[in-house]
Amino acid sequence: MQMQTATIGAPGNRYTPMRAGGTTVVWGGTKSSVAIAATELEGSGQFKVVQPVLQSGRILSFPFGGCWKLHVTSGTRTGDLVLWVV
């Protein structure tokens, strides 16, 4: 699976955070939908969402900023991402 987001911040800055208010995300490398179970690492928030893959992109919004872990599942594939969200 692959996650691609729109450019969000200064060019060349590898560690620019995602925005809590919504970032367009496109998922690839799989043929079905992507289920996301997100948990804020300080334990104060969580959410679940299902998004289609290889579309023009869907908005992924977080309830608030912080360090978030996304457990992503598509078919038999799973993976974890840790993101800094502002």
N, C-alpha and C. Protein backbone atom coordinates (compact mmCIF):
# COMPACT_ATOMS: atom_id res chain seq x y z
N MET A 1 0.84 -1.18 0.00
CA MET A 1 0.00 0.00 0.00
C MET A 1 0.88 1.24 0.00
N GLN A 2 0.38 2.29 -0.57
CA GLN A 2 1.08 3.56 -0.59
C GLN A 2 0.10 4.66 -0.23
N MET A 3 0.61 5.67 0.49
CA MET A 3 -0.19 6.85 0.84
C MET A 3 0.46 8.05 0.20
N GLN A 4 -0.33 8.86 -0.49
CA GLN A 4 0.20 10.06 -1.11
C GLN A 4 -0.68 11.23 -0.70
N THR A 5 -0.06 12.33 -0.26
CA THR A 5 -0.81 13.52 0.12
C THR A 5 -0.39 14.69 -0.76
N ALA A 6 -1.24 15.70 -0.78
CA ALA A 6 -0.90 16.93 -1.48
C ALA A 6 0.24 17.63 -0.75
N THR A 7 0.95 18.49 -1.44
CA THR A 7 2.04 19.24 -0.81
C THR A 7 1.49 20.12 0.29
N ILE A 8 2.09 20.05 1.48
CA ILE A 8 1.58 20.81 2.62
C ILE A 8 2.72 21.45 3.39
N GLY A 9 3.26 22.50 2.89
CA GLY A 9 4.31 23.17 3.64
C GLY A 9 5.48 23.56 2.76
N ALA A 10 6.57 23.90 3.38
CA ALA A 10 7.75 24.38 2.67
C ALA A 10 8.35 23.27 1.81
N PRO A 11 8.63 23.57 0.55
CA PRO A 11 9.27 22.58 -0.31
C PRO A 11 10.60 22.13 0.29
N GLY A 12 10.89 20.85 0.18
CA GLY A 12 12.14 20.32 0.69
C GLY A 12 12.13 19.99 2.17
N ASN A 13 11.02 20.24 2.86
CA ASN A 13 10.93 19.93 4.29
C ASN A 13 10.30 18.56 4.44
N ARG A 14 11.11 17.55 4.73
CA ARG A 14 10.62 16.17 4.80
C ARG A 14 9.67 15.93 5.94
N TYR A 15 9.74 16.73 6.98
CA TYR A 15 8.97 16.45 8.19
C TYR A 15 7.85 17.45 8.43
N THR A 16 7.32 18.02 7.37
CA THR A 16 6.20 18.93 7.49
C THR A 16 4.97 18.15 7.95
N PRO A 17 4.27 18.62 8.98
CA PRO A 17 3.11 17.86 9.48
C PRO A 17 1.90 17.95 8.56
N MET A 18 1.01 16.99 8.70
CA MET A 18 -0.28 17.06 8.02
C MET A 18 -1.16 18.04 8.79
N ARG A 19 -2.18 18.53 8.13
CA ARG A 19 -3.11 19.47 8.77
C ARG A 19 -4.31 18.71 9.32
N ALA A 20 -4.71 19.06 10.54
CA ALA A 20 -5.86 18.38 11.16
C ALA A 20 -7.15 18.64 10.40
N GLY A 21 -7.28 19.84 9.81
CA GLY A 21 -8.50 20.23 9.13
C GLY A 21 -8.78 19.48 7.86
N GLY A 22 -7.87 18.67 7.40
CA GLY A 22 -8.13 17.87 6.21
C GLY A 22 -7.02 17.98 5.20
N THR A 23 -6.49 16.85 4.81
CA THR A 23 -5.48 16.75 3.77
C THR A 23 -5.99 15.74 2.76
N THR A 24 -5.86 16.07 1.47
CA THR A 24 -6.28 15.13 0.44
C THR A 24 -5.30 13.97 0.39
N VAL A 25 -5.83 12.76 0.50
CA VAL A 25 -5.01 11.55 0.53
C VAL A 25 -5.47 10.61 -0.58
N VAL A 26 -4.51 10.05 -1.30
CA VAL A 26 -4.79 9.02 -2.31
C VAL A 26 -4.06 7.76 -1.88
N TRP A 27 -4.78 6.64 -1.82
CA TRP A 27 -4.19 5.35 -1.46
C TRP A 27 -4.00 4.55 -2.73
N GLY A 28 -2.85 3.87 -2.87
CA GLY A 28 -2.57 3.04 -4.03
C GLY A 28 -1.92 1.75 -3.61
N GLY A 29 -1.67 0.88 -4.59
CA GLY A 29 -0.98 -0.37 -4.34
C GLY A 29 -1.89 -1.50 -3.90
N THR A 30 -3.17 -1.29 -3.96
CA THR A 30 -4.14 -2.30 -3.60
C THR A 30 -5.38 -2.09 -4.47
N LYS A 31 -6.31 -3.02 -4.47
CA LYS A 31 -7.46 -2.93 -5.38
C LYS A 31 -8.79 -2.71 -4.69
N SER A 32 -8.79 -2.59 -3.38
CA SER A 32 -10.05 -2.43 -2.67
C SER A 32 -10.01 -1.18 -1.82
N SER A 33 -10.90 -1.07 -0.89
CA SER A 33 -10.92 0.08 0.00
C SER A 33 -9.86 -0.06 1.09
N VAL A 34 -9.61 1.04 1.77
CA VAL A 34 -8.62 1.08 2.84
C VAL A 34 -9.35 1.45 4.14
N ALA A 35 -9.24 0.59 5.15
CA ALA A 35 -9.83 0.86 6.46
C ALA A 35 -8.74 1.43 7.35
N ILE A 36 -9.04 2.56 8.00
CA ILE A 36 -8.06 3.24 8.84
C ILE A 36 -8.60 3.30 10.26
N ALA A 37 -7.81 2.80 11.21
CA ALA A 37 -8.11 2.94 12.64
C ALA A 37 -7.02 3.83 13.21
N ALA A 38 -7.37 5.06 13.58
CA ALA A 38 -6.39 6.04 14.02
C ALA A 38 -6.49 6.26 15.53
N THR A 39 -5.32 6.36 16.16
CA THR A 39 -5.25 6.60 17.60
C THR A 39 -4.22 7.69 17.85
N GLU A 40 -4.59 8.70 18.62
CA GLU A 40 -3.65 9.75 19.02
C GLU A 40 -2.75 9.14 20.07
N LEU A 41 -1.43 9.26 19.92
CA LEU A 41 -0.50 8.50 20.75
C LEU A 41 -0.50 8.88 22.22
N GLU A 42 -1.03 10.05 22.58
CA GLU A 42 -1.16 10.38 24.00
C GLU A 42 -2.44 9.81 24.58
N GLY A 43 -3.21 9.12 23.75
CA GLY A 43 -4.41 8.42 24.21
C GLY A 43 -5.66 9.25 24.34
N SER A 44 -5.66 10.46 23.77
CA SER A 44 -6.83 11.32 23.97
C SER A 44 -7.78 11.38 22.78
N GLY A 45 -7.56 10.57 21.76
CA GLY A 45 -8.48 10.58 20.63
C GLY A 45 -8.31 9.38 19.73
N GLN A 46 -9.38 9.08 18.99
CA GLN A 46 -9.33 8.01 18.00
C GLN A 46 -10.47 8.19 17.02
N PHE A 47 -10.33 7.58 15.86
CA PHE A 47 -11.41 7.54 14.87
C PHE A 47 -11.16 6.40 13.91
N LYS A 48 -12.21 6.01 13.18
CA LYS A 48 -12.13 4.98 12.15
C LYS A 48 -12.79 5.52 10.89
N VAL A 49 -12.23 5.15 9.74
CA VAL A 49 -12.79 5.59 8.46
C VAL A 49 -12.40 4.57 7.40
N VAL A 50 -13.24 4.45 6.36
CA VAL A 50 -12.94 3.61 5.20
C VAL A 50 -12.90 4.52 3.99
N GLN A 51 -11.83 4.39 3.19
CA GLN A 51 -11.68 5.22 2.00
C GLN A 51 -11.41 4.35 0.79
N PRO A 52 -11.91 4.75 -0.40
CA PRO A 52 -11.59 4.01 -1.61
C PRO A 52 -10.15 4.28 -2.05
N VAL A 53 -9.59 3.41 -2.86
CA VAL A 53 -8.23 3.59 -3.37
C VAL A 53 -8.26 4.08 -4.81
N LEU A 54 -7.13 4.64 -5.24
CA LEU A 54 -6.92 5.08 -6.61
C LEU A 54 -8.04 5.95 -7.15
N GLN A 55 -8.55 6.81 -6.32
CA GLN A 55 -9.53 7.80 -6.72
C GLN A 55 -8.81 9.14 -6.87
N SER A 56 -9.54 10.19 -7.07
CA SER A 56 -8.92 11.51 -7.19
C SER A 56 -8.47 12.04 -5.83
N GLY A 57 -8.73 11.29 -4.79
CA GLY A 57 -8.31 11.69 -3.45
C GLY A 57 -9.50 11.96 -2.56
N ARG A 58 -9.36 11.65 -1.30
CA ARG A 58 -10.38 11.91 -0.30
C ARG A 58 -9.76 12.69 0.84
N ILE A 59 -10.55 13.51 1.48
CA ILE A 59 -10.07 14.28 2.61
C ILE A 59 -9.95 13.37 3.82
N LEU A 60 -8.80 13.41 4.49
CA LEU A 60 -8.58 12.69 5.74
C LEU A 60 -8.44 13.75 6.82
N SER A 61 -9.41 13.80 7.73
CA SER A 61 -9.43 14.81 8.79
C SER A 61 -9.21 14.17 10.14
N PHE A 62 -8.50 14.87 11.00
CA PHE A 62 -8.23 14.44 12.37
C PHE A 62 -8.98 15.37 13.32
N PRO A 63 -9.47 14.87 14.47
CA PRO A 63 -10.23 15.71 15.40
C PRO A 63 -9.40 16.87 15.96
N PHE A 64 -8.08 16.66 16.06
CA PHE A 64 -7.17 17.69 16.58
C PHE A 64 -5.74 17.29 16.26
N GLY A 65 -4.82 18.21 16.42
CA GLY A 65 -3.42 17.96 16.14
C GLY A 65 -2.79 17.05 17.18
N GLY A 66 -1.62 16.54 16.85
CA GLY A 66 -0.88 15.66 17.74
C GLY A 66 -0.16 14.61 16.94
N CYS A 67 0.37 13.63 17.61
CA CYS A 67 1.06 12.52 16.97
C CYS A 67 0.06 11.36 16.87
N TRP A 68 -0.25 10.96 15.65
CA TRP A 68 -1.28 9.96 15.40
C TRP A 68 -0.68 8.69 14.79
N LYS A 69 -1.17 7.54 15.23
CA LYS A 69 -0.81 6.26 14.64
C LYS A 69 -2.01 5.78 13.83
N LEU A 70 -1.78 5.47 12.56
CA LEU A 70 -2.82 4.94 11.69
C LEU A 70 -2.54 3.47 11.43
N HIS A 71 -3.47 2.61 11.77
CA HIS A 71 -3.39 1.19 11.42
C HIS A 71 -4.25 1.04 10.17
N VAL A 72 -3.62 0.70 9.06
CA VAL A 72 -4.28 0.67 7.76
C VAL A 72 -4.43 -0.78 7.30
N THR A 73 -5.65 -1.12 6.85
CA THR A 73 -5.94 -2.47 6.38
C THR A 73 -6.62 -2.41 5.02
N SER A 74 -6.15 -3.25 4.10
CA SER A 74 -6.81 -3.39 2.80
C SER A 74 -6.68 -4.85 2.40
N GLY A 75 -7.79 -5.56 2.41
CA GLY A 75 -7.76 -6.99 2.12
C GLY A 75 -6.92 -7.69 3.18
N THR A 76 -5.88 -8.41 2.75
CA THR A 76 -5.01 -9.09 3.70
C THR A 76 -3.77 -8.27 4.06
N ARG A 77 -3.64 -7.10 3.48
CA ARG A 77 -2.49 -6.24 3.76
C ARG A 77 -2.78 -5.31 4.92
N THR A 78 -1.81 -5.16 5.81
CA THR A 78 -1.93 -4.20 6.91
C THR A 78 -0.62 -3.45 7.06
N GLY A 79 -0.70 -2.28 7.68
CA GLY A 79 0.50 -1.50 7.93
C GLY A 79 0.18 -0.39 8.91
N ASP A 80 1.21 0.17 9.49
CA ASP A 80 1.05 1.26 10.46
C ASP A 80 1.84 2.47 9.99
N LEU A 81 1.23 3.63 10.18
CA LEU A 81 1.88 4.91 9.90
C LEU A 81 1.81 5.75 11.17
N VAL A 82 2.85 6.50 11.45
CA VAL A 82 2.81 7.47 12.53
C VAL A 82 3.00 8.82 11.90
N LEU A 83 2.04 9.74 12.15
CA LEU A 83 2.02 11.05 11.52
C LEU A 83 1.97 12.15 12.55
N TRP A 84 2.65 13.23 12.24
CA TRP A 84 2.56 14.45 13.05
C TRP A 84 1.51 15.34 12.40
N VAL A 85 0.49 15.69 13.15
CA VAL A 85 -0.65 16.46 12.63
C VAL A 85 -0.75 17.77 13.41
N VAL A 86 -0.88 18.89 12.66
CA VAL A 86 -1.06 20.20 13.30
C VAL A 86 -2.44 20.73 13.05
